[in-house]
Amino acid sequence: MLDIYRFDSGVDGPTLAMFGGIHGNELAGSVALNSLIVEFESGERKLAKGKLVIVPICNPRGYEQNVRYIDVNLNRLF
């Protein structure tokens, strides 16, 4: 199961989706996205308009094992 975080400004606007941990051995994106999630959840950061969807770890099995991917390279599925 993937953790998916949704933030809505309540004002019409675009939706941005951000994905981290596509490759399980590339940790920086997940770390950055988790920091951003904390900022939005605490109210430190707010959306001016639109929506934001964040999936900080898209490849949890690869992330846990610190390998690029397990069965398929998720980067090739987008």
PDB file of N, CA and C in Angstrom:
ATOM      1  N   MET A   1       0.834  -1.178   0.000  1.00  0.00           N
ATOM      2  CA  MET A   1       0.000   0.000   0.000  1.00  0.00           C
ATOM      3  C   MET A   1       0.882   1.245   0.000  1.00  0.00           C
ATOM      4  N   LEU A   2       0.535   2.186  -0.849  1.00  0.00           N
ATOM      5  CA  LEU A   2       1.290   3.431  -0.940  1.00  0.00           C
ATOM      6  C   LEU A   2       0.670   4.497  -0.051  1.00  0.00           C
ATOM      7  N   ASP A   3       1.515   5.297   0.570  1.00  0.00           N
ATOM      8  CA  ASP A   3       1.043   6.466   1.304  1.00  0.00           C
ATOM      9  C   ASP A   3       0.856   7.593   0.304  1.00  0.00           C
ATOM     10  N   ILE A   4      -0.345   8.144   0.278  1.00  0.00           N
ATOM     11  CA  ILE A   4      -0.672   9.234  -0.642  1.00  0.00           C
ATOM     12  C   ILE A   4      -1.185  10.404   0.191  1.00  0.00           C
ATOM     13  N   TYR A   5      -0.599  11.563  -0.011  1.00  0.00           N
ATOM     14  CA  TYR A   5      -0.966  12.763   0.736  1.00  0.00           C
ATOM     15  C   TYR A   5      -1.595  13.750  -0.225  1.00  0.00           C
ATOM     16  N   ARG A   6      -2.741  14.295   0.166  1.00  0.00           N
ATOM     17  CA  ARG A   6      -3.465  15.244  -0.675  1.00  0.00           C
ATOM     18  C   ARG A   6      -3.659  16.547   0.096  1.00  0.00           C
ATOM     19  N   PHE A   7      -3.367  17.644  -0.575  1.00  0.00           N
ATOM     20  CA  PHE A   7      -3.551  18.966   0.011  1.00  0.00           C
ATOM     21  C   PHE A   7      -4.377  19.790  -0.967  1.00  0.00           C
ATOM     22  N   ASP A   8      -5.386  20.468  -0.445  1.00  0.00           N
ATOM     23  CA  ASP A   8      -6.311  21.226  -1.278  1.00  0.00           C
ATOM     24  C   ASP A   8      -6.394  22.646  -0.730  1.00  0.00           C
ATOM     25  N   SER A   9      -6.139  23.612  -1.559  1.00  0.00           N
ATOM     26  CA  SER A   9      -6.175  25.010  -1.129  1.00  0.00           C
ATOM     27  C   SER A   9      -7.601  25.505  -0.918  1.00  0.00           C
ATOM     28  N   GLY A  10      -8.566  24.820  -1.539  1.00  0.00           N
ATOM     29  CA  GLY A  10      -9.942  25.298  -1.501  1.00  0.00           C
ATOM     30  C   GLY A  10     -10.231  26.341  -2.563  1.00  0.00           C
ATOM     31  N   VAL A  11      -9.207  26.674  -3.354  1.00  0.00           N
ATOM     32  CA  VAL A  11      -9.341  27.644  -4.439  1.00  0.00           C
ATOM     33  C   VAL A  11      -9.072  26.911  -5.745  1.00  0.00           C
ATOM     34  N   ASP A  12      -9.922  27.142  -6.756  1.00  0.00           N
ATOM     35  CA  ASP A  12      -9.706  26.497  -8.053  1.00  0.00           C
ATOM     36  C   ASP A  12      -8.305  26.774  -8.568  1.00  0.00           C
ATOM     37  N   GLY A  13      -7.746  25.765  -9.208  1.00  0.00           N
ATOM     38  CA  GLY A  13      -6.420  25.893  -9.785  1.00  0.00           C
ATOM     39  C   GLY A  13      -5.913  24.544 -10.220  1.00  0.00           C
ATOM     40  N   PRO A  14      -4.689  24.483 -10.705  1.00  0.00           N
ATOM     41  CA  PRO A  14      -4.135  23.228 -11.198  1.00  0.00           C
ATOM     42  C   PRO A  14      -3.860  22.230 -10.069  1.00  0.00           C
ATOM     43  N   THR A  15      -3.719  20.979 -10.459  1.00  0.00           N
ATOM     44  CA  THR A  15      -3.302  19.927  -9.538  1.00  0.00           C
ATOM     45  C   THR A  15      -1.902  19.489  -9.932  1.00  0.00           C
ATOM     46  N   LEU A  16      -1.021  19.443  -8.943  1.00  0.00           N
ATOM     47  CA  LEU A  16       0.356  18.987  -9.149  1.00  0.00           C
ATOM     48  C   LEU A  16       0.533  17.677  -8.401  1.00  0.00           C
ATOM     49  N   ALA A  17       1.083  16.671  -9.075  1.00  0.00           N
ATOM     50  CA  ALA A  17       1.413  15.396  -8.427  1.00  0.00           C
ATOM     51  C   ALA A  17       2.923  15.261  -8.376  1.00  0.00           C
ATOM     52  N   MET A  18       3.436  14.867  -7.204  1.00  0.00           N
ATOM     53  CA  MET A  18       4.880  14.701  -7.006  1.00  0.00           C
ATOM     54  C   MET A  18       5.140  13.280  -6.513  1.00  0.00           C
ATOM     55  N   PHE A  19       6.101  12.616  -7.144  1.00  0.00           N
ATOM     56  CA  PHE A  19       6.406  11.228  -6.829  1.00  0.00           C
ATOM     57  C   PHE A  19       7.865  11.081  -6.423  1.00  0.00           C
ATOM     58  N   GLY A  20       8.116  10.334  -5.362  1.00  0.00           N
ATOM     59  CA  GLY A  20       9.473  10.027  -4.920  1.00  0.00           C
ATOM     60  C   GLY A  20       9.645   8.529  -4.788  1.00  0.00           C
ATOM     61  N   GLY A  21      10.864   8.112  -4.656  1.00  0.00           N
ATOM     62  CA  GLY A  21      11.131   6.698  -4.440  1.00  0.00           C
ATOM     63  C   GLY A  21      10.724   5.810  -5.588  1.00  0.00           C
ATOM     64  N   ILE A  22      10.742   6.328  -6.807  1.00  0.00           N
ATOM     65  CA  ILE A  22      10.469   5.500  -7.979  1.00  0.00           C
ATOM     66  C   ILE A  22      11.520   4.397  -8.038  1.00  0.00           C
ATOM     67  N   HIS A  23      12.763   4.783  -7.856  1.00  0.00           N
ATOM     68  CA  HIS A  23      13.854   3.828  -7.715  1.00  0.00           C
ATOM     69  C   HIS A  23      14.183   3.725  -6.230  1.00  0.00           C
ATOM     70  N   GLY A  24      14.105   2.529  -5.698  1.00  0.00           N
ATOM     71  CA  GLY A  24      14.249   2.313  -4.271  1.00  0.00           C
ATOM     72  C   GLY A  24      15.576   2.731  -3.682  1.00  0.00           C
ATOM     73  N   ASN A  25      16.605   2.818  -4.505  1.00  0.00           N
ATOM     74  CA  ASN A  25      17.924   3.186  -3.989  1.00  0.00           C
ATOM     75  C   ASN A  25      18.236   4.674  -4.184  1.00  0.00           C
ATOM     76  N   GLU A  26      17.246   5.447  -4.578  1.00  0.00           N
ATOM     77  CA  GLU A  26      17.411   6.894  -4.720  1.00  0.00           C
ATOM     78  C   GLU A  26      16.556   7.558  -3.643  1.00  0.00           C
ATOM     79  N   LEU A  27      17.181   7.907  -2.527  1.00  0.00           N
ATOM     80  CA  LEU A  27      16.458   8.320  -1.332  1.00  0.00           C
ATOM     81  C   LEU A  27      16.164   9.815  -1.250  1.00  0.00           C
ATOM     82  N   ALA A  28      16.915  10.639  -1.944  1.00  0.00           N
ATOM     83  CA  ALA A  28      16.823  12.092  -1.763  1.00  0.00           C
ATOM     84  C   ALA A  28      15.425  12.640  -2.043  1.00  0.00           C
ATOM     85  N   GLY A  29      14.779  12.176  -3.092  1.00  0.00           N
ATOM     86  CA  GLY A  29      13.444  12.669  -3.423  1.00  0.00           C
ATOM     87  C   GLY A  29      12.434  12.355  -2.330  1.00  0.00           C
ATOM     88  N   SER A  30      12.501  11.145  -1.793  1.00  0.00           N
ATOM     89  CA  SER A  30      11.582  10.753  -0.721  1.00  0.00           C
ATOM     90  C   SER A  30      11.818  11.584   0.534  1.00  0.00           C
ATOM     91  N   VAL A  31      13.073  11.833   0.857  1.00  0.00           N
ATOM     92  CA  VAL A  31      13.407  12.652   2.027  1.00  0.00           C
ATOM     93  C   VAL A  31      12.855  14.065   1.841  1.00  0.00           C
ATOM     94  N   ALA A  32      13.061  14.631   0.668  1.00  0.00           N
ATOM     95  CA  ALA A  32      12.579  15.988   0.389  1.00  0.00           C
ATOM     96  C   ALA A  32      11.051  16.050   0.438  1.00  0.00           C
ATOM     97  N   LEU A  33      10.392  15.067  -0.157  1.00  0.00           N
ATOM     98  CA  LEU A  33       8.929  15.072  -0.156  1.00  0.00           C
ATOM     99  C   LEU A  33       8.362  14.877   1.245  1.00  0.00           C
ATOM    100  N   ASN A  34       8.995  14.040   2.050  1.00  0.00           N
ATOM    101  CA  ASN A  34       8.532  13.872   3.428  1.00  0.00           C
ATOM    102  C   ASN A  34       8.677  15.170   4.218  1.00  0.00           C
ATOM    103  N   SER A  35       9.728  15.926   3.969  1.00  0.00           N
ATOM    104  CA  SER A  35       9.890  17.235   4.622  1.00  0.00           C
ATOM    105  C   SER A  35       8.787  18.193   4.182  1.00  0.00           C
ATOM    106  N   LEU A  36       8.459  18.159   2.907  1.00  0.00           N
ATOM    107  CA  LEU A  36       7.397  19.014   2.381  1.00  0.00           C
ATOM    108  C   LEU A  36       6.042  18.640   2.993  1.00  0.00           C
ATOM    109  N   ILE A  37       5.788  17.350   3.144  1.00  0.00           N
ATOM    110  CA  ILE A  37       4.546  16.879   3.767  1.00  0.00           C
ATOM    111  C   ILE A  37       4.433  17.434   5.186  1.00  0.00           C
ATOM    112  N   VAL A  38       5.518  17.366   5.944  1.00  0.00           N
ATOM    113  CA  VAL A  38       5.511  17.882   7.321  1.00  0.00           C
ATOM    114  C   VAL A  38       5.171  19.372   7.318  1.00  0.00           C
ATOM    115  N   GLU A  39       5.733  20.117   6.387  1.00  0.00           N
ATOM    116  CA  GLU A  39       5.477  21.560   6.315  1.00  0.00           C
ATOM    117  C   GLU A  39       4.011  21.854   6.017  1.00  0.00           C
ATOM    118  N   PHE A  40       3.407  21.097   5.096  1.00  0.00           N
ATOM    119  CA  PHE A  40       1.995  21.305   4.781  1.00  0.00           C
ATOM    120  C   PHE A  40       1.103  20.849   5.937  1.00  0.00           C
ATOM    121  N   GLU A  41       1.403  19.724   6.536  1.00  0.00           N
ATOM    122  CA  GLU A  41       0.575  19.218   7.627  1.00  0.00           C
ATOM    123  C   GLU A  41       0.632  20.126   8.863  1.00  0.00           C
ATOM    124  N   SER A  42       1.764  20.764   9.092  1.00  0.00           N
ATOM    125  CA  SER A  42       1.911  21.646  10.257  1.00  0.00           C
ATOM    126  C   SER A  42       1.329  23.037  10.008  1.00  0.00           C
ATOM    127  N   GLY A  43       1.031  23.347   8.755  1.00  0.00           N
ATOM    128  CA  GLY A  43       0.538  24.679   8.416  1.00  0.00           C
ATOM    129  C   GLY A  43       1.644  25.676   8.127  1.00  0.00           C
ATOM    130  N   GLU A  44       2.894  25.221   8.233  1.00  0.00           N
ATOM    131  CA  GLU A  44       4.034  26.097   7.936  1.00  0.00           C
ATOM    132  C   GLU A  44       4.012  26.543   6.475  1.00  0.00           C
ATOM    133  N   ARG A  45       3.536  25.668   5.612  1.00  0.00           N
ATOM    134  CA  ARG A  45       3.439  25.955   4.174  1.00  0.00           C
ATOM    135  C   ARG A  45       1.992  25.756   3.764  1.00  0.00           C
ATOM    136  N   LYS A  46       1.478  26.647   2.885  1.00  0.00           N
ATOM    137  CA  LYS A  46       0.099  26.555   2.422  1.00  0.00           C
ATOM    138  C   LYS A  46       0.053  26.738   0.906  1.00  0.00           C
ATOM    139  N   LEU A  47      -0.933  26.108   0.292  1.00  0.00           N
ATOM    140  CA  LEU A  47      -1.156  26.295  -1.143  1.00  0.00           C
ATOM    141  C   LEU A  47      -1.944  27.580  -1.359  1.00  0.00           C
ATOM    142  N   ALA A  48      -1.569  28.364  -2.354  1.00  0.00           N
ATOM    143  CA  ALA A  48      -2.327  29.568  -2.693  1.00  0.00           C
ATOM    144  C   ALA A  48      -3.565  29.202  -3.496  1.00  0.00           C
ATOM    145  N   LYS A  49      -3.435  28.199  -4.370  1.00  0.00           N
ATOM    146  CA  LYS A  49      -4.578  27.726  -5.153  1.00  0.00           C
ATOM    147  C   LYS A  49      -4.276  26.323  -5.655  1.00  0.00           C
ATOM    148  N   GLY A  50      -5.310  25.638  -6.069  1.00  0.00           N
ATOM    149  CA  GLY A  50      -5.154  24.301  -6.633  1.00  0.00           C
ATOM    150  C   GLY A  50      -4.967  23.222  -5.586  1.00  0.00           C
ATOM    151  N   LYS A  51      -4.462  22.085  -6.070  1.00  0.00           N
ATOM    152  CA  LYS A  51      -4.282  20.904  -5.221  1.00  0.00           C
ATOM    153  C   LYS A  51      -2.882  20.337  -5.420  1.00  0.00           C
ATOM    154  N   LEU A  52      -2.433  19.621  -4.404  1.00  0.00           N
ATOM    155  CA  LEU A  52      -1.133  18.959  -4.451  1.00  0.00           C
ATOM    156  C   LEU A  52      -1.311  17.526  -3.980  1.00  0.00           C
ATOM    157  N   VAL A  53      -0.778  16.596  -4.747  1.00  0.00           N
ATOM    158  CA  VAL A  53      -0.785  15.179  -4.379  1.00  0.00           C
ATOM    159  C   VAL A  53       0.667  14.735  -4.292  1.00  0.00           C
ATOM    160  N   ILE A  54       1.040  14.127  -3.160  1.00  0.00           N
ATOM    161  CA  ILE A  54       2.422  13.672  -2.961  1.00  0.00           C
ATOM    162  C   ILE A  54       2.417  12.194  -2.622  1.00  0.00           C
ATOM    163  N   VAL A  55       3.219  11.434  -3.366  1.00  0.00           N
ATOM    164  CA  VAL A  55       3.477  10.023  -3.065  1.00  0.00           C
ATOM    165  C   VAL A  55       4.981   9.920  -2.814  1.00  0.00           C
ATOM    166  N   PRO A  56       5.403   9.934  -1.536  1.00  0.00           N
ATOM    167  CA  PRO A  56       6.832  10.020  -1.247  1.00  0.00           C
ATOM    168  C   PRO A  56       7.625   8.752  -1.568  1.00  0.00           C
ATOM    169  N   ILE A  57       6.973   7.590  -1.523  1.00  0.00           N
ATOM    170  CA  ILE A  57       7.676   6.336  -1.838  1.00  0.00           C
ATOM    171  C   ILE A  57       6.786   5.507  -2.759  1.00  0.00           C
ATOM    172  N   CYS A  58       7.118   5.494  -4.037  1.00  0.00           N
ATOM    173  CA  CYS A  58       6.327   4.756  -5.027  1.00  0.00           C
ATOM    174  C   CYS A  58       6.762   3.298  -5.151  1.00  0.00           C
ATOM    175  N   ASN A  59       7.914   2.984  -4.645  1.00  0.00           N
ATOM    176  CA  ASN A  59       8.461   1.629  -4.755  1.00  0.00           C
ATOM    177  C   ASN A  59       8.879   1.153  -3.356  1.00  0.00           C
ATOM    178  N   PRO A  60       7.889   0.855  -2.477  1.00  0.00           N
ATOM    179  CA  PRO A  60       8.241   0.537  -1.089  1.00  0.00           C
ATOM    180  C   PRO A  60       9.120  -0.704  -0.932  1.00  0.00           C
ATOM    181  N   ARG A  61       8.922  -1.715  -1.744  1.00  0.00           N
ATOM    182  CA  ARG A  61       9.765  -2.919  -1.628  1.00  0.00           C
ATOM    183  C   ARG A  61      11.204  -2.602  -1.994  1.00  0.00           C
ATOM    184  N   GLY A  62      11.412  -1.871  -3.088  1.00  0.00           N
ATOM    185  CA  GLY A  62      12.755  -1.466  -3.480  1.00  0.00           C
ATOM    186  C   GLY A  62      13.377  -0.539  -2.460  1.00  0.00           C
ATOM    187  N   TYR A  63      12.570   0.366  -1.909  1.00  0.00           N
ATOM    188  CA  TYR A  63      13.038   1.318  -0.900  1.00  0.00           C
ATOM    189  C   TYR A  63      13.514   0.572   0.346  1.00  0.00           C
ATOM    190  N   GLU A  64      12.721  -0.398   0.810  1.00  0.00           N
ATOM    191  CA  GLU A  64      13.088  -1.181   1.994  1.00  0.00           C
ATOM    192  C   GLU A  64      14.382  -1.964   1.781  1.00  0.00           C
ATOM    193  N   GLN A  65      14.585  -2.452   0.545  1.00  0.00           N
ATOM    194  CA  GLN A  65      15.765  -3.272   0.252  1.00  0.00           C
ATOM    195  C   GLN A  65      16.924  -2.448  -0.319  1.00  0.00           C
ATOM    196  N   ASN A  66      16.693  -1.138  -0.519  1.00  0.00           N
ATOM    197  CA  ASN A  66      17.698  -0.237  -1.071  1.00  0.00           C
ATOM    198  C   ASN A  66      18.228  -0.727  -2.422  1.00  0.00           C
ATOM    199  N   VAL A  67      17.286  -1.144  -3.286  1.00  0.00           N
ATOM    200  CA  VAL A  67      17.623  -1.550  -4.653  1.00  0.00           C
ATOM    201  C   VAL A  67      16.796  -0.718  -5.627  1.00  0.00           C
ATOM    202  N   ARG A  68      17.290  -0.572  -6.825  1.00  0.00           N
ATOM    203  CA  ARG A  68      16.637   0.266  -7.829  1.00  0.00           C
ATOM    204  C   ARG A  68      15.190  -0.159  -8.061  1.00  0.00           C
ATOM    205  N   TYR A  69      14.977  -1.422  -8.335  1.00  0.00           N
ATOM    206  CA  TYR A  69      13.621  -1.950  -8.500  1.00  0.00           C
ATOM    207  C   TYR A  69      13.633  -3.443  -8.248  1.00  0.00           C
ATOM    208  N   ILE A  70      12.441  -4.021  -8.052  1.00  0.00           N
ATOM    209  CA  ILE A  70      12.312  -5.446  -7.775  1.00  0.00           C
ATOM    210  C   ILE A  70      11.950  -6.203  -9.058  1.00  0.00           C
ATOM    211  N   ASP A  71      10.767  -5.974  -9.578  1.00  0.00           N
ATOM    212  CA  ASP A  71      10.305  -6.717 -10.760  1.00  0.00           C
ATOM    213  C   ASP A  71      10.382  -5.895 -12.041  1.00  0.00           C
ATOM    214  N   VAL A  72       9.984  -4.637 -11.952  1.00  0.00           N
ATOM    215  CA  VAL A  72       9.990  -3.759 -13.130  1.00  0.00           C
ATOM    216  C   VAL A  72      10.529  -2.388 -12.733  1.00  0.00           C
ATOM    217  N   ASN A  73      11.127  -1.722 -13.699  1.00  0.00           N
ATOM    218  CA  ASN A  73      11.587  -0.357 -13.502  1.00  0.00           C
ATOM    219  C   ASN A  73      10.383   0.571 -13.642  1.00  0.00           C
ATOM    220  N   LEU A  74       9.899   1.114 -12.525  1.00  0.00           N
ATOM    221  CA  LEU A  74       8.689   1.933 -12.534  1.00  0.00           C
ATOM    222  C   LEU A  74       8.832   3.152 -13.440  1.00  0.00           C
ATOM    223  N   ASN A  75      10.039   3.628 -13.650  1.00  0.00           N
ATOM    224  CA  ASN A  75      10.256   4.772 -14.545  1.00  0.00           C
ATOM    225  C   ASN A  75       9.821   4.461 -15.974  1.00  0.00           C
ATOM    226  N   ARG A  76       9.791   3.208 -16.335  1.00  0.00           N
ATOM    227  CA  ARG A  76       9.404   2.813 -17.702  1.00  0.00           C
ATOM    228  C   ARG A  76       7.898   2.646 -17.835  1.00  0.00           C
ATOM    229  N   LEU A  77       7.157   2.817 -16.737  1.00  0.00           N
ATOM    230  CA  LEU A  77       5.701   2.633 -16.776  1.00  0.00           C
ATOM    231  C   LEU A  77       4.936   3.938 -16.858  1.00  0.00           C
ATOM    232  N   PHE A  78       5.625   5.078 -16.686  1.00  0.00           N
ATOM    233  CA  PHE A  78       4.928   6.361 -16.749  1.00  0.00           C
ATOM    234  C   PHE A  78       4.563   6.702 -18.177  1.00  0.00           C
TER     235      PHE A  78
END
